[in-house]
């Protein structure tokens, strides 16, 4: 029996077409072959964020082709925050990232500081606290017109204890779900698989209700995109057996049963560049420092673009045949 996901658009391209198992198996074998086993396998040394060399950029793209993410390491200086703020947009531009998200908590340079904060814009939001962050992709509450396809995280100061990131390539999550039951993929590609209710902020600004699929295919790059949150509140899942079973399976996968999950605590001068991979963060301790002088600070830029050249060449060639 053919299983075509209810996407509301034309049939999906290979290898994510549920009717083309041959293309999927070829892609699956290619994906798992030599997949990085540790976070250290995808670290690239960068001499200068504002002037990365062609060789450094090539190494970043190679790792993103393999795992949809790469870590980079620079030498932090005395003015790390200001140097990073100047360097990150330039660094990102070398990978085709030119459309940053306009975020409510961004500074004038468009960069968001992730730190413990109690100002009106950030108070009450978990990313600006020392509490654990559950599994999610960034911007899961956004509509299609502001879809987050990539982001950068850069560590200015790390926490005294904790603050480790866990990361999983969405393509690995897709692979595990499809291997378990292709109907899980069909369910999670439904246009109303996951709905985020409307939210009115203290300022009165309304974020409208946002329904959408968990997995979708980018119409330009043919790349897989994932939209997900493990939050128990303010998430409305489509009420059908396949969706409920798929959500349970994915939750179990993310709680520790996935061997290709990567774990890494960013040190000052290190960063993550990725195609909006699944990620979580452990809670952390800043040695009792008050919010206004919190030690831990990460800088973040989110983009509407996907990293240029990050589709694996074999997959791109197959899609263009």
C-alpha atoms as a PDB file:
ATOM      1  CA  UNK A   1       0.000   0.000   0.000  1.00  0.00           C
ATOM      2  CA  UNK A   2       1.353   3.434  -0.900  1.00  0.00           C
ATOM      3  CA  UNK A   3       1.765   5.907   1.917  1.00  0.00           C
ATOM      4  CA  UNK A   4       1.945   9.502   0.749  1.00  0.00           C
ATOM      5  CA  UNK A   5       2.218  12.031   3.597  1.00  0.00           C
ATOM      6  CA  UNK A   6      -0.532  14.641   3.745  1.00  0.00           C
ATOM      7  CA  UNK A   7       1.591  17.679   2.957  1.00  0.00           C
ATOM      8  CA  UNK A   8      -0.854  19.716   0.919  1.00  0.00           C
ATOM      9  CA  UNK A   9       1.766  20.020  -1.815  1.00  0.00           C
ATOM     10  CA  UNK A  10       3.260  18.000  -4.655  1.00  0.00           C
ATOM     11  CA  UNK A  11       4.732  14.519  -3.926  1.00  0.00           C
ATOM     12  CA  UNK A  12       8.012  14.564  -2.015  1.00  0.00           C
ATOM     13  CA  UNK A  13      11.372  14.228  -3.739  1.00  0.00           C
ATOM     14  CA  UNK A  14      13.717  11.295  -3.155  1.00  0.00           C
ATOM     15  CA  UNK A  15      14.919  10.014  -0.678  1.00  0.00           C
ATOM     16  CA  UNK A  16      12.239  11.274   1.719  1.00  0.00           C
ATOM     17  CA  UNK A  17       9.373  10.009  -0.439  1.00  0.00           C
ATOM     18  CA  UNK A  18       7.734   7.196   1.514  1.00  0.00           C
ATOM     19  CA  UNK A  19       6.936   5.475  -1.778  1.00  0.00           C
ATOM     20  CA  UNK A  20      10.611   5.175  -2.774  1.00  0.00           C
ATOM     21  CA  UNK A  21      12.239   2.725  -0.394  1.00  0.00           C
ATOM     22  CA  UNK A  22      15.206   2.122  -2.710  1.00  0.00           C
ATOM     23  CA  UNK A  23      16.245   5.793  -2.640  1.00  0.00           C
ATOM     24  CA  UNK A  24      15.695   5.907   1.119  1.00  0.00           C
ATOM     25  CA  UNK A  25      17.878   2.833   1.743  1.00  0.00           C
ATOM     26  CA  UNK A  26      20.673   4.277  -0.373  1.00  0.00           C
ATOM     27  CA  UNK A  27      20.476   7.570   1.523  1.00  0.00           C
ATOM     28  CA  UNK A  28      20.245   5.769   4.883  1.00  0.00           C
ATOM     29  CA  UNK A  29      23.389   3.703   4.258  1.00  0.00           C
ATOM     30  CA  UNK A  30      25.238   6.811   3.132  1.00  0.00           C
ATOM     31  CA  UNK A  31      24.072   8.765   6.184  1.00  0.00           C
ATOM     32  CA  UNK A  32      25.168   6.174   8.726  1.00  0.00           C
ATOM     33  CA  UNK A  33      28.492   5.413   7.043  1.00  0.00           C
ATOM     34  CA  UNK A  34      31.165   7.092   9.132  1.00  0.00           C
ATOM     35  CA  UNK A  35      28.738   9.228  11.142  1.00  0.00           C
ATOM     36  CA  UNK A  36      30.646  11.073  13.916  1.00  0.00           C
ATOM     37  CA  UNK A  37      30.640   9.165  17.183  1.00  0.00           C
ATOM     38  CA  UNK A  38      31.803  12.035  19.410  1.00  0.00           C
ATOM     39  CA  UNK A  39      31.488  15.809  19.482  1.00  0.00           C
ATOM     40  CA  UNK A  40      35.269  16.092  19.108  1.00  0.00           C
ATOM     41  CA  UNK A  41      34.919  14.525  15.638  1.00  0.00           C
ATOM     42  CA  UNK A  42      33.203  17.675  14.323  1.00  0.00           C
ATOM     43  CA  UNK A  43      35.406  20.390  15.858  1.00  0.00           C
ATOM     44  CA  UNK A  44      37.247  22.761  13.505  1.00  0.00           C
ATOM     45  CA  UNK A  45      39.947  25.200  14.635  1.00  0.00           C
ATOM     46  CA  UNK A  46      39.324  28.735  13.340  1.00  0.00           C
ATOM     47  CA  UNK A  47      42.060  31.358  13.460  1.00  0.00           C
ATOM     48  CA  UNK A  48      39.882  34.463  13.034  1.00  0.00           C
ATOM     49  CA  UNK A  49      36.075  34.597  12.914  1.00  0.00           C
ATOM     50  CA  UNK A  50      36.179  37.690  10.703  1.00  0.00           C
ATOM     51  CA  UNK A  51      38.599  36.090   8.250  1.00  0.00           C
ATOM     52  CA  UNK A  52      38.124  32.311   8.112  1.00  0.00           C
ATOM     53  CA  UNK A  53      40.317  30.639   5.513  1.00  0.00           C
ATOM     54  CA  UNK A  54      38.947  28.674   2.589  1.00  0.00           C
ATOM     55  CA  UNK A  55      40.326  25.480   4.150  1.00  0.00           C
ATOM     56  CA  UNK A  56      38.603  26.205   7.482  1.00  0.00           C
ATOM     57  CA  UNK A  57      35.283  26.870   5.741  1.00  0.00           C
ATOM     58  CA  UNK A  58      35.635  23.665   3.739  1.00  0.00           C
ATOM     59  CA  UNK A  59      36.150  21.660   6.922  1.00  0.00           C
ATOM     60  CA  UNK A  60      33.071  23.246   8.507  1.00  0.00           C
ATOM     61  CA  UNK A  61      30.929  22.354   5.475  1.00  0.00           C
ATOM     62  CA  UNK A  62      32.259  18.780   5.380  1.00  0.00           C
ATOM     63  CA  UNK A  63      31.093  18.237   8.955  1.00  0.00           C
ATOM     64  CA  UNK A  64      27.738  19.860   8.274  1.00  0.00           C
ATOM     65  CA  UNK A  65      27.265  17.622   5.249  1.00  0.00           C
ATOM     66  CA  UNK A  66      27.818  14.655   7.529  1.00  0.00           C
ATOM     67  CA  UNK A  67      25.930  15.727  10.674  1.00  0.00           C
ATOM     68  CA  UNK A  68      24.163  19.034   9.868  1.00  0.00           C
ATOM     69  CA  UNK A  69      26.378  20.711  12.470  1.00  0.00           C
ATOM     70  CA  UNK A  70      29.949  21.585  13.346  1.00  0.00           C
ATOM     71  CA  UNK A  71      31.726  23.020  16.363  1.00  0.00           C
ATOM     72  CA  UNK A  72      34.425  25.627  15.873  1.00  0.00           C
ATOM     73  CA  UNK A  73      37.138  26.692  18.282  1.00  0.00           C
ATOM     74  CA  UNK A  74      38.864  30.073  18.424  1.00  0.00           C
ATOM     75  CA  UNK A  75      41.231  31.588  20.950  1.00  0.00           C
ATOM     76  CA  UNK A  76      39.198  33.861  23.260  1.00  0.00           C
ATOM     77  CA  UNK A  77      40.639  37.309  23.901  1.00  0.00           C
ATOM     78  CA  UNK A  78      40.230  39.924  26.608  1.00  0.00           C
ATOM     79  CA  UNK A  79      37.354  41.535  24.670  1.00  0.00           C
ATOM     80  CA  UNK A  80      35.688  38.266  23.715  1.00  0.00           C
ATOM     81  CA  UNK A  81      32.089  39.505  23.680  1.00  0.00           C
ATOM     82  CA  UNK A  82      32.714  42.535  21.472  1.00  0.00           C
ATOM     83  CA  UNK A  83      35.094  40.629  19.178  1.00  0.00           C
ATOM     84  CA  UNK A  84      32.523  37.863  18.788  1.00  0.00           C
ATOM     85  CA  UNK A  85      29.687  40.316  18.111  1.00  0.00           C
ATOM     86  CA  UNK A  86      31.734  41.841  15.302  1.00  0.00           C
ATOM     87  CA  UNK A  87      32.951  38.519  13.953  1.00  0.00           C
ATOM     88  CA  UNK A  88      29.910  36.242  14.045  1.00  0.00           C
ATOM     89  CA  UNK A  89      27.857  37.868  11.243  1.00  0.00           C
ATOM     90  CA  UNK A  90      30.951  37.947   9.017  1.00  0.00           C
ATOM     91  CA  UNK A  91      31.721  34.316   9.804  1.00  0.00           C
ATOM     92  CA  UNK A  92      28.129  33.305   9.061  1.00  0.00           C
ATOM     93  CA  UNK A  93      28.180  35.079   5.697  1.00  0.00           C
ATOM     94  CA  UNK A  94      30.865  32.669   4.477  1.00  0.00           C
ATOM     95  CA  UNK A  95      28.218  29.919   4.668  1.00  0.00           C
ATOM     96  CA  UNK A  96      25.436  31.771   2.870  1.00  0.00           C
ATOM     97  CA  UNK A  97      23.720  32.912   6.068  1.00  0.00           C
ATOM     98  CA  UNK A  98      22.488  36.394   5.205  1.00  0.00           C
ATOM     99  CA  UNK A  99      18.922  36.616   6.562  1.00  0.00           C
ATOM    100  CA  UNK A 100      19.007  36.808  10.383  1.00  0.00           C
ATOM    101  CA  UNK A 101      15.818  36.537  12.365  1.00  0.00           C
ATOM    102  CA  UNK A 102      14.465  39.739  13.861  1.00  0.00           C
ATOM    103  CA  UNK A 103      14.216  38.707  17.506  1.00  0.00           C
ATOM    104  CA  UNK A 104      12.504  40.614  20.305  1.00  0.00           C
ATOM    105  CA  UNK A 105      15.482  40.115  22.672  1.00  0.00           C
ATOM    106  CA  UNK A 106      18.239  40.985  20.203  1.00  0.00           C
ATOM    107  CA  UNK A 107      20.580  43.925  20.702  1.00  0.00           C
ATOM    108  CA  UNK A 108      21.005  46.568  18.002  1.00  0.00           C
ATOM    109  CA  UNK A 109      23.461  44.311  16.172  1.00  0.00           C
ATOM    110  CA  UNK A 110      20.768  41.599  15.909  1.00  0.00           C
ATOM    111  CA  UNK A 111      22.537  39.224  18.304  1.00  0.00           C
ATOM    112  CA  UNK A 112      20.773  37.696  21.318  1.00  0.00           C
ATOM    113  CA  UNK A 113      22.701  37.251  24.577  1.00  0.00           C
ATOM    114  CA  UNK A 114      21.673  34.023  26.301  1.00  0.00           C
ATOM    115  CA  UNK A 115      22.273  34.648  29.986  1.00  0.00           C
ATOM    116  CA  UNK A 116      20.366  34.646  33.252  1.00  0.00           C
ATOM    117  CA  UNK A 117      18.257  37.800  33.023  1.00  0.00           C
ATOM    118  CA  UNK A 118      15.312  39.448  34.761  1.00  0.00           C
ATOM    119  CA  UNK A 119      14.478  42.344  32.421  1.00  0.00           C
ATOM    120  CA  UNK A 120      10.947  42.707  31.089  1.00  0.00           C
ATOM    121  CA  UNK A 121      11.693  41.169  27.680  1.00  0.00           C
ATOM    122  CA  UNK A 122      13.414  38.041  28.983  1.00  0.00           C
ATOM    123  CA  UNK A 123      11.947  37.391  32.427  1.00  0.00           C
ATOM    124  CA  UNK A 124      10.151  34.050  32.666  1.00  0.00           C
ATOM    125  CA  UNK A 125      11.658  32.506  29.518  1.00  0.00           C
ATOM    126  CA  UNK A 126      13.761  29.408  30.215  1.00  0.00           C
ATOM    127  CA  UNK A 127      16.647  30.254  27.813  1.00  0.00           C
ATOM    128  CA  UNK A 128      17.358  33.265  30.069  1.00  0.00           C
ATOM    129  CA  UNK A 129      17.453  31.193  33.241  1.00  0.00           C
ATOM    130  CA  UNK A 130      19.745  28.487  34.606  1.00  0.00           C
ATOM    131  CA  UNK A 131      17.042  25.823  34.356  1.00  0.00           C
ATOM    132  CA  UNK A 132      17.366  22.844  31.978  1.00  0.00           C
ATOM    133  CA  UNK A 133      16.112  23.293  28.428  1.00  0.00           C
ATOM    134  CA  UNK A 134      14.152  20.355  27.035  1.00  0.00           C
ATOM    135  CA  UNK A 135      14.652  19.011  23.535  1.00  0.00           C
ATOM    136  CA  UNK A 136      13.587  21.335  20.731  1.00  0.00           C
ATOM    137  CA  UNK A 137      14.499  22.941  17.458  1.00  0.00           C
ATOM    138  CA  UNK A 138      14.768  26.725  17.479  1.00  0.00           C
ATOM    139  CA  UNK A 139      11.749  28.723  16.369  1.00  0.00           C
ATOM    140  CA  UNK A 140       9.359  25.779  16.578  1.00  0.00           C
ATOM    141  CA  UNK A 141       6.587  28.304  17.292  1.00  0.00           C
ATOM    142  CA  UNK A 142       7.327  30.340  14.136  1.00  0.00           C
ATOM    143  CA  UNK A 143       5.158  30.329  11.048  1.00  0.00           C
ATOM    144  CA  UNK A 144       6.465  29.248   7.602  1.00  0.00           C
ATOM    145  CA  UNK A 145       7.446  32.796   6.643  1.00  0.00           C
ATOM    146  CA  UNK A 146       9.923  33.010   9.558  1.00  0.00           C
ATOM    147  CA  UNK A 147      11.120  29.397   9.596  1.00  0.00           C
ATOM    148  CA  UNK A 148      14.493  29.064  11.365  1.00  0.00           C
ATOM    149  CA  UNK A 149      16.766  26.918   9.207  1.00  0.00           C
ATOM    150  CA  UNK A 150      20.150  27.554  10.835  1.00  0.00           C
ATOM    151  CA  UNK A 151      21.704  29.133  13.903  1.00  0.00           C
ATOM    152  CA  UNK A 152      24.999  30.051  15.520  1.00  0.00           C
ATOM    153  CA  UNK A 153      25.847  29.757  19.221  1.00  0.00           C
ATOM    154  CA  UNK A 154      29.067  31.275  20.541  1.00  0.00           C
ATOM    155  CA  UNK A 155      30.350  30.916  24.099  1.00  0.00           C
ATOM    156  CA  UNK A 156      31.664  34.082  25.736  1.00  0.00           C
ATOM    157  CA  UNK A 157      31.619  32.685  29.289  1.00  0.00           C
ATOM    158  CA  UNK A 158      30.707  29.187  30.401  1.00  0.00           C
ATOM    159  CA  UNK A 159      29.008  28.185  33.652  1.00  0.00           C
ATOM    160  CA  UNK A 160      30.880  27.010  36.710  1.00  0.00           C
ATOM    161  CA  UNK A 161      28.947  23.729  36.626  1.00  0.00           C
ATOM    162  CA  UNK A 162      26.532  22.330  34.035  1.00  0.00           C
ATOM    163  CA  UNK A 163      25.278  24.027  30.901  1.00  0.00           C
ATOM    164  CA  UNK A 164      26.151  21.098  28.636  1.00  0.00           C
ATOM    165  CA  UNK A 165      24.379  20.779  25.291  1.00  0.00           C
ATOM    166  CA  UNK A 166      22.994  17.528  23.897  1.00  0.00           C
ATOM    167  CA  UNK A 167      22.458  17.510  20.132  1.00  0.00           C
ATOM    168  CA  UNK A 168      20.876  15.241  17.556  1.00  0.00           C
ATOM    169  CA  UNK A 169      20.831  15.585  13.787  1.00  0.00           C
ATOM    170  CA  UNK A 170      17.157  15.715  12.650  1.00  0.00           C
ATOM    171  CA  UNK A 171      18.040  13.343   9.806  1.00  0.00           C
ATOM    172  CA  UNK A 172      19.015  10.714  12.388  1.00  0.00           C
ATOM    173  CA  UNK A 173      15.708  11.229  14.195  1.00  0.00           C
ATOM    174  CA  UNK A 174      13.872  10.846  10.871  1.00  0.00           C
ATOM    175  CA  UNK A 175      15.847   7.683  10.095  1.00  0.00           C
ATOM    176  CA  UNK A 176      15.047   6.051  13.448  1.00  0.00           C
ATOM    177  CA  UNK A 177      11.356   6.896  13.161  1.00  0.00           C
ATOM    178  CA  UNK A 178      11.085   5.627   9.585  1.00  0.00           C
ATOM    179  CA  UNK A 179      12.938   2.411  10.399  1.00  0.00           C
ATOM    180  CA  UNK A 180      10.569   1.797  13.297  1.00  0.00           C
ATOM    181  CA  UNK A 181       7.399   2.532  11.309  1.00  0.00           C
ATOM    182  CA  UNK A 182       7.051   4.595   8.088  1.00  0.00           C
ATOM    183  CA  UNK A 183       3.550   5.553   9.236  1.00  0.00           C
ATOM    184  CA  UNK A 184       5.256   7.607  11.989  1.00  0.00           C
ATOM    185  CA  UNK A 185       6.816   9.796   9.291  1.00  0.00           C
ATOM    186  CA  UNK A 186       3.517  10.157   7.430  1.00  0.00           C
ATOM    187  CA  UNK A 187       1.875  11.261  10.680  1.00  0.00           C
ATOM    188  CA  UNK A 188       4.597  13.776  11.547  1.00  0.00           C
ATOM    189  CA  UNK A 189       4.460  15.281   8.049  1.00  0.00           C
ATOM    190  CA  UNK A 190       0.776  16.072   8.412  1.00  0.00           C
ATOM    191  CA  UNK A 191       0.223  19.877   8.167  1.00  0.00           C
ATOM    192  CA  UNK A 192      -1.443  19.872  11.604  1.00  0.00           C
ATOM    193  CA  UNK A 193       0.833  17.361  13.351  1.00  0.00           C
ATOM    194  CA  UNK A 194       1.972  19.928  15.950  1.00  0.00           C
ATOM    195  CA  UNK A 195       0.180  23.145  16.885  1.00  0.00           C
ATOM    196  CA  UNK A 196       1.501  25.942  19.094  1.00  0.00           C
ATOM    197  CA  UNK A 197      -1.367  27.947  20.652  1.00  0.00           C
ATOM    198  CA  UNK A 198      -1.440  31.725  20.415  1.00  0.00           C
ATOM    199  CA  UNK A 199       0.478  33.644  23.055  1.00  0.00           C
ATOM    200  CA  UNK A 200      -0.048  37.200  24.253  1.00  0.00           C
ATOM    201  CA  UNK A 201       3.011  38.842  25.781  1.00  0.00           C
ATOM    202  CA  UNK A 202       2.992  41.356  28.623  1.00  0.00           C
ATOM    203  CA  UNK A 203       3.466  44.113  26.052  1.00  0.00           C
ATOM    204  CA  UNK A 204       0.184  43.094  24.449  1.00  0.00           C
ATOM    205  CA  UNK A 205       1.830  41.683  21.317  1.00  0.00           C
ATOM    206  CA  UNK A 206       0.031  38.572  20.088  1.00  0.00           C
ATOM    207  CA  UNK A 207       1.818  35.592  18.588  1.00  0.00           C
ATOM    208  CA  UNK A 208      -0.844  33.805  16.521  1.00  0.00           C
ATOM    209  CA  UNK A 209      -1.603  30.080  16.659  1.00  0.00           C
ATOM    210  CA  UNK A 210       0.996  28.148  14.649  1.00  0.00           C
ATOM    211  CA  UNK A 211       0.059  24.720  13.224  1.00  0.00           C
ATOM    212  CA  UNK A 212       2.460  22.751  11.060  1.00  0.00           C
ATOM    213  CA  UNK A 213       4.300  19.495  10.400  1.00  0.00           C
ATOM    214  CA  UNK A 214       7.221  18.153  12.405  1.00  0.00           C
ATOM    215  CA  UNK A 215       9.079  17.051   9.263  1.00  0.00           C
ATOM    216  CA  UNK A 216       8.926  18.919   5.967  1.00  0.00           C
ATOM    217  CA  UNK A 217      10.993  19.190   2.814  1.00  0.00           C
ATOM    218  CA  UNK A 218      12.511  22.507   1.788  1.00  0.00           C
ATOM    219  CA  UNK A 219      11.130  23.275  -1.680  1.00  0.00           C
ATOM    220  CA  UNK A 220      14.386  24.901  -2.840  1.00  0.00           C
ATOM    221  CA  UNK A 221      17.148  22.689  -1.398  1.00  0.00           C
ATOM    222  CA  UNK A 222      15.074  19.473  -1.021  1.00  0.00           C
ATOM    223  CA  UNK A 223      16.622  19.207   2.452  1.00  0.00           C
ATOM    224  CA  UNK A 224      14.781  17.788   5.445  1.00  0.00           C
ATOM    225  CA  UNK A 225      13.561  20.339   8.005  1.00  0.00           C
ATOM    226  CA  UNK A 226      12.364  19.536  11.529  1.00  0.00           C
ATOM    227  CA  UNK A 227      10.128  21.543  13.866  1.00  0.00           C
ATOM    228  CA  UNK A 228       9.775  20.066  17.357  1.00  0.00           C
ATOM    229  CA  UNK A 229       9.481  20.712  21.075  1.00  0.00           C
ATOM    230  CA  UNK A 230       9.382  18.178  23.900  1.00  0.00           C
ATOM    231  CA  UNK A 231       7.562  20.623  26.182  1.00  0.00           C
ATOM    232  CA  UNK A 232       4.591  19.073  27.933  1.00  0.00           C
ATOM    233  CA  UNK A 233       2.659  22.360  28.024  1.00  0.00           C
ATOM    234  CA  UNK A 234       1.490  24.607  25.200  1.00  0.00           C
ATOM    235  CA  UNK A 235       1.954  21.912  22.548  1.00  0.00           C
ATOM    236  CA  UNK A 236      -1.104  20.427  20.849  1.00  0.00           C
ATOM    237  CA  UNK A 237      -0.435  17.176  19.026  1.00  0.00           C
ATOM    238  CA  UNK A 238      -2.809  15.877  16.362  1.00  0.00           C
ATOM    239  CA  UNK A 239      -5.100  13.397  18.072  1.00  0.00           C
ATOM    240  CA  UNK A 240      -4.629  10.172  16.125  1.00  0.00           C
ATOM    241  CA  UNK A 241      -2.908   6.853  17.001  1.00  0.00           C
ATOM    242  CA  UNK A 242       0.091   7.175  14.646  1.00  0.00           C
ATOM    243  CA  UNK A 243       0.928  10.694  15.848  1.00  0.00           C
ATOM    244  CA  UNK A 244       0.675   9.706  19.498  1.00  0.00           C
ATOM    245  CA  UNK A 245       2.871   6.643  18.940  1.00  0.00           C
ATOM    246  CA  UNK A 246       5.421   8.637  16.921  1.00  0.00           C
ATOM    247  CA  UNK A 247       5.677  11.317  19.618  1.00  0.00           C
ATOM    248  CA  UNK A 248       6.224   8.649  22.295  1.00  0.00           C
ATOM    249  CA  UNK A 249       8.899   6.938  20.196  1.00  0.00           C
ATOM    250  CA  UNK A 250      10.722  10.207  19.577  1.00  0.00           C
ATOM    251  CA  UNK A 251      10.553  11.161  23.260  1.00  0.00           C
ATOM    252  CA  UNK A 252      12.081   7.796  24.217  1.00  0.00           C
ATOM    253  CA  UNK A 253      14.808   8.292  21.622  1.00  0.00           C
ATOM    254  CA  UNK A 254      15.735  11.679  23.035  1.00  0.00           C
ATOM    255  CA  UNK A 255      15.828  10.543  26.657  1.00  0.00           C
ATOM    256  CA  UNK A 256      18.933   8.497  26.056  1.00  0.00           C
ATOM    257  CA  UNK A 257      18.432   5.529  23.753  1.00  0.00           C
ATOM    258  CA  UNK A 258      20.014   7.178  20.667  1.00  0.00           C
ATOM    259  CA  UNK A 259      23.720   6.229  20.311  1.00  0.00           C
ATOM    260  CA  UNK A 260      24.471   8.989  17.758  1.00  0.00           C
ATOM    261  CA  UNK A 261      23.466  11.792  20.128  1.00  0.00           C
ATOM    262  CA  UNK A 262      26.362  14.206  20.693  1.00  0.00           C
ATOM    263  CA  UNK A 263      27.137  15.948  23.987  1.00  0.00           C
ATOM    264  CA  UNK A 264      29.397  18.958  24.420  1.00  0.00           C
ATOM    265  CA  UNK A 265      29.858  21.871  26.792  1.00  0.00           C
ATOM    266  CA  UNK A 266      31.035  24.952  24.921  1.00  0.00           C
ATOM    267  CA  UNK A 267      34.124  26.650  26.323  1.00  0.00           C
ATOM    268  CA  UNK A 268      34.910  30.351  25.834  1.00  0.00           C
ATOM    269  CA  UNK A 269      35.789  30.972  22.200  1.00  0.00           C
ATOM    270  CA  UNK A 270      33.963  27.873  20.990  1.00  0.00           C
ATOM    271  CA  UNK A 271      30.746  27.830  19.019  1.00  0.00           C
ATOM    272  CA  UNK A 272      28.187  25.738  17.176  1.00  0.00           C
ATOM    273  CA  UNK A 273      27.039  26.344  13.603  1.00  0.00           C
ATOM    274  CA  UNK A 274      24.212  24.133  12.358  1.00  0.00           C
ATOM    275  CA  UNK A 275      21.101  23.544  10.298  1.00  0.00           C
ATOM    276  CA  UNK A 276      18.805  23.971  13.334  1.00  0.00           C
ATOM    277  CA  UNK A 277      19.506  20.590  14.867  1.00  0.00           C
ATOM    278  CA  UNK A 278      17.620  19.152  17.818  1.00  0.00           C
ATOM    279  CA  UNK A 279      19.205  20.290  21.047  1.00  0.00           C
ATOM    280  CA  UNK A 280      18.771  20.394  24.814  1.00  0.00           C
ATOM    281  CA  UNK A 281      20.732  22.004  27.649  1.00  0.00           C
ATOM    282  CA  UNK A 282      21.381  20.845  31.172  1.00  0.00           C
ATOM    283  CA  UNK A 283      20.781  23.178  34.089  1.00  0.00           C
ATOM    284  CA  UNK A 284      23.778  25.097  35.378  1.00  0.00           C
ATOM    285  CA  UNK A 285      25.195  26.797  38.445  1.00  0.00           C
ATOM    286  CA  UNK A 286      26.839  30.213  38.242  1.00  0.00           C
ATOM    287  CA  UNK A 287      28.175  29.986  41.792  1.00  0.00           C
ATOM    288  CA  UNK A 288      25.315  32.033  43.187  1.00  0.00           C
ATOM    289  CA  UNK A 289      26.032  35.136  41.086  1.00  0.00           C
ATOM    290  CA  UNK A 290      23.006  37.462  40.868  1.00  0.00           C
ATOM    291  CA  UNK A 291      21.220  37.714  37.508  1.00  0.00           C
ATOM    292  CA  UNK A 292      22.759  41.043  36.568  1.00  0.00           C
ATOM    293  CA  UNK A 293      26.312  39.655  36.916  1.00  0.00           C
ATOM    294  CA  UNK A 294      25.699  36.099  35.753  1.00  0.00           C
ATOM    295  CA  UNK A 295      28.894  34.558  34.435  1.00  0.00           C
ATOM    296  CA  UNK A 296      27.490  32.323  31.713  1.00  0.00           C
ATOM    297  CA  UNK A 297      26.857  34.047  28.381  1.00  0.00           C
ATOM    298  CA  UNK A 298      26.304  32.610  24.933  1.00  0.00           C
ATOM    299  CA  UNK A 299      25.646  34.733  21.848  1.00  0.00           C
ATOM    300  CA  UNK A 300      23.065  33.495  19.349  1.00  0.00           C
ATOM    301  CA  UNK A 301      22.043  34.405  15.810  1.00  0.00           C
ATOM    302  CA  UNK A 302      19.223  32.525  14.075  1.00  0.00           C
ATOM    303  CA  UNK A 303      18.812  32.532  10.310  1.00  0.00           C
ATOM    304  CA  UNK A 304      16.059  31.998   7.779  1.00  0.00           C
ATOM    305  CA  UNK A 305      18.698  30.448   5.498  1.00  0.00           C
ATOM    306  CA  UNK A 306      20.151  26.970   5.476  1.00  0.00           C
ATOM    307  CA  UNK A 307      23.943  26.546   5.417  1.00  0.00           C
ATOM    308  CA  UNK A 308      25.022  26.736   1.772  1.00  0.00           C
ATOM    309  CA  UNK A 309      26.617  23.553   0.480  1.00  0.00           C
ATOM    310  CA  UNK A 310      25.575  21.477   3.475  1.00  0.00           C
ATOM    311  CA  UNK A 311      23.520  18.949   1.508  1.00  0.00           C
ATOM    312  CA  UNK A 312      25.688  15.900   0.908  1.00  0.00           C
ATOM    313  CA  UNK A 313      26.808  15.845  -2.756  1.00  0.00           C
ATOM    314  CA  UNK A 314      25.524  12.322  -3.384  1.00  0.00           C
ATOM    315  CA  UNK A 315      22.063  13.236  -2.141  1.00  0.00           C
ATOM    316  CA  UNK A 316      21.969  16.428  -4.220  1.00  0.00           C
ATOM    317  CA  UNK A 317      23.034  14.585  -7.362  1.00  0.00           C
ATOM    318  CA  UNK A 318      20.364  11.955  -6.831  1.00  0.00           C
ATOM    319  CA  UNK A 319      17.664  14.554  -6.388  1.00  0.00           C
ATOM    320  CA  UNK A 320      18.665  16.274  -9.613  1.00  0.00           C
ATOM    321  CA  UNK A 321      18.588  13.116 -11.753  1.00  0.00           C
END
